[in-house]
Amino acid sequence: MANKFLLEFSLLAQQDIDDIFAYTLAQWGERQFGIYKSKIGKALATLLEKPTCSHENPEHGLRMFSVERHRIFYNIDGKTIFIVRVLHERMDPSLYIADPGEE
């Protein structure tokens, strides 16, 4: 069955993922890189199948889905799941996610 939703990434979210993968490869090697890449891929597949499986955070108006020590921040617009940022759990989202009224 084809997914009813499409994934779209902000430039910052794509950079976040690229940075996560580069860091994982450099720090932990190819094996862990493969494991983490698979986990992020499975998380994105879960969002495609069940986009409302997470709760909306009123602080920034986005949904948040956890993958290990990272958080995927996204919103749903019609049939598009827009990935805004992918941040480490230690990162304060209010410092990295713009208020929609300020964009």
N, C-alpha and C. Protein backbone atom coordinates (compact mmCIF):
# COMPACT_ATOMS: atom_id res chain seq x y z
N MET A 1 0.84 -1.19 0.00
CA MET A 1 0.00 0.00 0.00
C MET A 1 0.88 1.25 0.00
N ALA A 2 0.58 2.18 -0.87
CA ALA A 2 1.35 3.41 -0.97
C ALA A 2 1.03 4.32 0.21
N ASN A 3 2.05 5.07 0.63
CA ASN A 3 1.84 6.03 1.72
C ASN A 3 0.92 7.14 1.25
N LYS A 4 0.09 7.61 2.14
CA LYS A 4 -0.83 8.70 1.84
C LYS A 4 -0.15 10.05 2.03
N PHE A 5 1.00 10.04 2.71
CA PHE A 5 1.70 11.28 3.03
C PHE A 5 3.04 11.34 2.33
N LEU A 6 3.53 12.57 2.17
CA LEU A 6 4.85 12.82 1.61
C LEU A 6 5.72 13.47 2.68
N LEU A 7 7.00 13.17 2.67
CA LEU A 7 7.95 13.84 3.57
C LEU A 7 8.62 14.98 2.83
N GLU A 8 8.76 16.08 3.51
CA GLU A 8 9.51 17.22 2.98
C GLU A 8 10.40 17.73 4.11
N PHE A 9 11.64 18.08 3.79
CA PHE A 9 12.60 18.52 4.79
C PHE A 9 12.98 19.97 4.57
N SER A 10 13.04 20.74 5.66
CA SER A 10 13.60 22.09 5.56
C SER A 10 15.09 21.94 5.27
N LEU A 11 15.70 22.99 4.79
CA LEU A 11 17.15 22.95 4.57
C LEU A 11 17.90 22.68 5.87
N LEU A 12 17.41 23.27 6.96
CA LEU A 12 18.05 23.06 8.27
C LEU A 12 17.89 21.61 8.73
N ALA A 13 16.72 21.03 8.51
CA ALA A 13 16.51 19.63 8.91
C ALA A 13 17.43 18.71 8.12
N GLN A 14 17.57 18.97 6.82
CA GLN A 14 18.47 18.13 6.02
C GLN A 14 19.90 18.28 6.50
N GLN A 15 20.29 19.51 6.85
CA GLN A 15 21.65 19.74 7.38
C GLN A 15 21.81 19.03 8.73
N ASP A 16 20.76 19.08 9.56
CA ASP A 16 20.81 18.38 10.85
C ASP A 16 21.10 16.89 10.64
N ILE A 17 20.36 16.27 9.72
CA ILE A 17 20.53 14.84 9.47
C ILE A 17 21.93 14.56 8.92
N ASP A 18 22.39 15.38 7.98
CA ASP A 18 23.74 15.20 7.43
C ASP A 18 24.78 15.29 8.54
N ASP A 19 24.61 16.26 9.44
CA ASP A 19 25.55 16.45 10.56
C ASP A 19 25.51 15.27 11.53
N ILE A 20 24.31 14.78 11.82
CA ILE A 20 24.16 13.62 12.72
C ILE A 20 24.88 12.41 12.12
N PHE A 21 24.66 12.17 10.85
CA PHE A 21 25.30 11.02 10.20
C PHE A 21 26.82 11.18 10.16
N ALA A 22 27.30 12.38 9.84
CA ALA A 22 28.75 12.61 9.78
C ALA A 22 29.39 12.42 11.16
N TYR A 23 28.74 12.96 12.18
CA TYR A 23 29.25 12.83 13.55
C TYR A 23 29.26 11.36 13.98
N THR A 24 28.18 10.66 13.72
CA THR A 24 28.08 9.26 14.11
C THR A 24 29.16 8.43 13.43
N LEU A 25 29.37 8.66 12.15
CA LEU A 25 30.40 7.93 11.42
C LEU A 25 31.79 8.23 11.97
N ALA A 26 32.07 9.51 12.21
CA ALA A 26 33.40 9.90 12.70
C ALA A 26 33.65 9.40 14.13
N GLN A 27 32.64 9.48 14.99
CA GLN A 27 32.83 9.12 16.40
C GLN A 27 32.68 7.64 16.68
N TRP A 28 31.79 6.97 15.97
CA TRP A 28 31.41 5.61 16.34
C TRP A 28 31.64 4.57 15.26
N GLY A 29 31.99 5.01 14.06
CA GLY A 29 32.33 4.07 13.01
C GLY A 29 31.16 3.65 12.13
N GLU A 30 31.51 2.85 11.11
CA GLU A 30 30.54 2.47 10.10
C GLU A 30 29.39 1.62 10.64
N ARG A 31 29.70 0.72 11.55
CA ARG A 31 28.65 -0.15 12.08
C ARG A 31 27.56 0.68 12.78
N GLN A 32 27.97 1.56 13.70
CA GLN A 32 26.99 2.38 14.41
C GLN A 32 26.30 3.36 13.48
N PHE A 33 27.04 3.87 12.50
CA PHE A 33 26.44 4.75 11.49
C PHE A 33 25.27 4.03 10.81
N GLY A 34 25.50 2.78 10.40
CA GLY A 34 24.46 2.00 9.73
C GLY A 34 23.26 1.76 10.63
N ILE A 35 23.53 1.46 11.90
CA ILE A 35 22.45 1.22 12.86
C ILE A 35 21.62 2.48 13.04
N TYR A 36 22.30 3.63 13.24
CA TYR A 36 21.58 4.88 13.51
C TYR A 36 20.82 5.36 12.27
N LYS A 37 21.44 5.19 11.12
CA LYS A 37 20.77 5.59 9.88
C LYS A 37 19.49 4.77 9.71
N SER A 38 19.55 3.49 10.01
CA SER A 38 18.37 2.63 9.94
C SER A 38 17.30 3.08 10.93
N LYS A 39 17.69 3.43 12.14
CA LYS A 39 16.71 3.87 13.15
C LYS A 39 16.02 5.16 12.72
N ILE A 40 16.78 6.08 12.18
CA ILE A 40 16.16 7.33 11.71
C ILE A 40 15.23 7.03 10.53
N GLY A 41 15.66 6.16 9.63
CA GLY A 41 14.82 5.77 8.51
C GLY A 41 13.52 5.13 8.97
N LYS A 42 13.59 4.27 9.98
CA LYS A 42 12.38 3.63 10.51
C LYS A 42 11.47 4.66 11.17
N ALA A 43 12.05 5.63 11.86
CA ALA A 43 11.25 6.68 12.49
C ALA A 43 10.50 7.48 11.43
N LEU A 44 11.18 7.82 10.34
CA LEU A 44 10.52 8.57 9.26
C LEU A 44 9.43 7.74 8.61
N ALA A 45 9.67 6.44 8.46
CA ALA A 45 8.64 5.54 7.92
C ALA A 45 7.42 5.50 8.84
N THR A 46 7.67 5.50 10.15
CA THR A 46 6.56 5.52 11.11
C THR A 46 5.74 6.79 10.96
N LEU A 47 6.43 7.92 10.79
CA LEU A 47 5.70 9.18 10.60
C LEU A 47 4.84 9.15 9.34
N LEU A 48 5.36 8.53 8.28
CA LEU A 48 4.58 8.43 7.05
C LEU A 48 3.33 7.59 7.25
N GLU A 49 3.44 6.55 8.05
CA GLU A 49 2.30 5.67 8.29
C GLU A 49 1.33 6.24 9.32
N LYS A 50 1.87 6.89 10.34
CA LYS A 50 1.04 7.41 11.45
C LYS A 50 1.53 8.81 11.84
N PRO A 51 1.27 9.79 11.02
CA PRO A 51 1.82 11.13 11.28
C PRO A 51 1.35 11.78 12.58
N THR A 52 0.22 11.33 13.10
CA THR A 52 -0.29 11.93 14.34
C THR A 52 0.08 11.10 15.57
N CYS A 53 1.09 10.24 15.44
CA CYS A 53 1.47 9.36 16.55
C CYS A 53 2.19 10.10 17.68
N SER A 54 2.48 11.36 17.49
CA SER A 54 3.13 12.16 18.53
C SER A 54 2.22 13.31 18.93
N HIS A 55 2.58 13.96 20.01
CA HIS A 55 1.78 15.08 20.50
C HIS A 55 2.36 16.40 20.03
N GLU A 56 1.48 17.35 19.85
CA GLU A 56 1.93 18.70 19.48
C GLU A 56 2.44 19.41 20.72
N ASN A 57 3.57 20.07 20.57
CA ASN A 57 4.15 20.83 21.67
C ASN A 57 3.67 22.27 21.56
N PRO A 58 2.91 22.77 22.54
CA PRO A 58 2.37 24.13 22.44
C PRO A 58 3.44 25.22 22.46
N GLU A 59 4.63 24.90 22.96
CA GLU A 59 5.70 25.90 23.02
C GLU A 59 6.11 26.39 21.64
N HIS A 60 6.17 25.49 20.67
CA HIS A 60 6.58 25.89 19.33
C HIS A 60 5.59 25.44 18.25
N GLY A 61 4.49 24.81 18.66
CA GLY A 61 3.43 24.45 17.73
C GLY A 61 3.77 23.33 16.77
N LEU A 62 4.81 22.56 17.07
CA LEU A 62 5.22 21.45 16.22
C LEU A 62 5.02 20.13 16.94
N ARG A 63 4.93 19.09 16.18
CA ARG A 63 4.93 17.75 16.74
C ARG A 63 6.38 17.32 16.94
N MET A 64 6.60 16.38 17.88
CA MET A 64 7.94 15.91 18.16
C MET A 64 7.93 14.39 18.25
N PHE A 65 8.85 13.76 17.54
CA PHE A 65 8.99 12.30 17.55
C PHE A 65 10.43 11.99 17.94
N SER A 66 10.60 11.12 18.92
CA SER A 66 11.93 10.79 19.43
C SER A 66 12.54 9.59 18.72
N VAL A 67 13.84 9.72 18.45
CA VAL A 67 14.65 8.63 17.90
C VAL A 67 15.94 8.60 18.71
N GLU A 68 16.07 7.60 19.58
CA GLU A 68 17.24 7.52 20.44
C GLU A 68 17.41 8.86 21.16
N ARG A 69 18.52 9.56 20.91
CA ARG A 69 18.79 10.83 21.60
C ARG A 69 18.47 12.06 20.75
N HIS A 70 17.76 11.85 19.66
CA HIS A 70 17.38 12.96 18.79
C HIS A 70 15.87 13.11 18.74
N ARG A 71 15.43 14.31 18.43
CA ARG A 71 14.02 14.64 18.34
C ARG A 71 13.73 15.21 16.96
N ILE A 72 12.75 14.63 16.31
CA ILE A 72 12.33 15.12 15.00
C ILE A 72 11.15 16.07 15.24
N PHE A 73 11.31 17.32 14.86
CA PHE A 73 10.26 18.32 14.99
C PHE A 73 9.62 18.52 13.62
N TYR A 74 8.29 18.42 13.57
CA TYR A 74 7.61 18.47 12.29
C TYR A 74 6.20 19.01 12.43
N ASN A 75 5.63 19.34 11.28
CA ASN A 75 4.21 19.67 11.25
C ASN A 75 3.56 18.94 10.08
N ILE A 76 2.27 18.91 10.10
CA ILE A 76 1.51 18.25 9.04
C ILE A 76 0.70 19.31 8.33
N ASP A 77 0.87 19.37 7.03
CA ASP A 77 0.13 20.33 6.21
C ASP A 77 -0.54 19.54 5.08
N GLY A 78 -1.81 19.26 5.28
CA GLY A 78 -2.52 18.44 4.29
C GLY A 78 -1.94 17.04 4.27
N LYS A 79 -1.37 16.65 3.16
CA LYS A 79 -0.76 15.33 3.00
C LYS A 79 0.77 15.39 3.05
N THR A 80 1.31 16.50 3.53
CA THR A 80 2.75 16.66 3.63
C THR A 80 3.19 16.71 5.08
N ILE A 81 4.17 15.91 5.41
CA ILE A 81 4.83 15.97 6.72
C ILE A 81 6.10 16.76 6.50
N PHE A 82 6.14 17.94 7.10
CA PHE A 82 7.28 18.85 6.90
C PHE A 82 8.20 18.76 8.12
N ILE A 83 9.39 18.22 7.90
CA ILE A 83 10.39 18.09 8.96
C ILE A 83 11.10 19.43 9.10
N VAL A 84 10.95 20.05 10.26
CA VAL A 84 11.50 21.38 10.50
C VAL A 84 12.94 21.30 10.99
N ARG A 85 13.19 20.47 12.01
CA ARG A 85 14.54 20.29 12.57
C ARG A 85 14.66 18.88 13.13
N VAL A 86 15.89 18.42 13.27
CA VAL A 86 16.21 17.17 13.96
C VAL A 86 17.31 17.53 14.95
N LEU A 87 16.95 17.58 16.24
CA LEU A 87 17.85 18.11 17.26
C LEU A 87 18.18 17.06 18.31
N HIS A 88 19.38 17.16 18.85
CA HIS A 88 19.78 16.30 19.96
C HIS A 88 18.96 16.67 21.19
N GLU A 89 18.71 15.69 22.05
CA GLU A 89 17.90 15.92 23.23
C GLU A 89 18.45 17.01 24.16
N ARG A 90 19.73 17.26 24.10
CA ARG A 90 20.33 18.31 24.95
C ARG A 90 20.15 19.71 24.38
N MET A 91 19.71 19.81 23.14
CA MET A 91 19.54 21.12 22.50
C MET A 91 18.17 21.69 22.85
N ASP A 92 18.15 22.93 23.25
CA ASP A 92 16.91 23.62 23.60
C ASP A 92 16.20 24.02 22.30
N PRO A 93 15.06 23.41 22.00
CA PRO A 93 14.37 23.72 20.73
C PRO A 93 14.08 25.20 20.54
N SER A 94 13.80 25.91 21.63
CA SER A 94 13.47 27.34 21.48
C SER A 94 14.64 28.15 20.92
N LEU A 95 15.85 27.62 21.00
CA LEU A 95 17.01 28.30 20.45
C LEU A 95 17.25 27.95 18.97
N TYR A 96 16.62 26.87 18.50
CA TYR A 96 16.90 26.37 17.15
C TYR A 96 15.69 26.34 16.23
N ILE A 97 14.51 26.59 16.79
CA ILE A 97 13.29 26.58 15.99
C ILE A 97 12.68 27.96 16.05
N ALA A 98 12.55 28.59 14.88
CA ALA A 98 12.01 29.95 14.81
C ALA A 98 10.52 29.95 15.13
N ASP A 99 10.09 30.98 15.78
CA ASP A 99 8.67 31.19 16.01
C ASP A 99 8.02 31.44 14.65
N PRO A 100 6.96 30.70 14.30
CA PRO A 100 6.34 30.88 12.98
C PRO A 100 5.97 32.33 12.68
N GLY A 101 5.68 33.10 13.68
CA GLY A 101 5.34 34.50 13.47
C GLY A 101 6.53 35.38 13.14
N GLU A 102 7.75 34.84 13.34
CA GLU A 102 8.96 35.61 13.08
C GLU A 102 9.60 35.29 11.75
N GLU A 103 9.09 34.26 11.04
CA GLU A 103 9.69 33.85 9.77
C GLU A 103 9.32 34.78 8.66
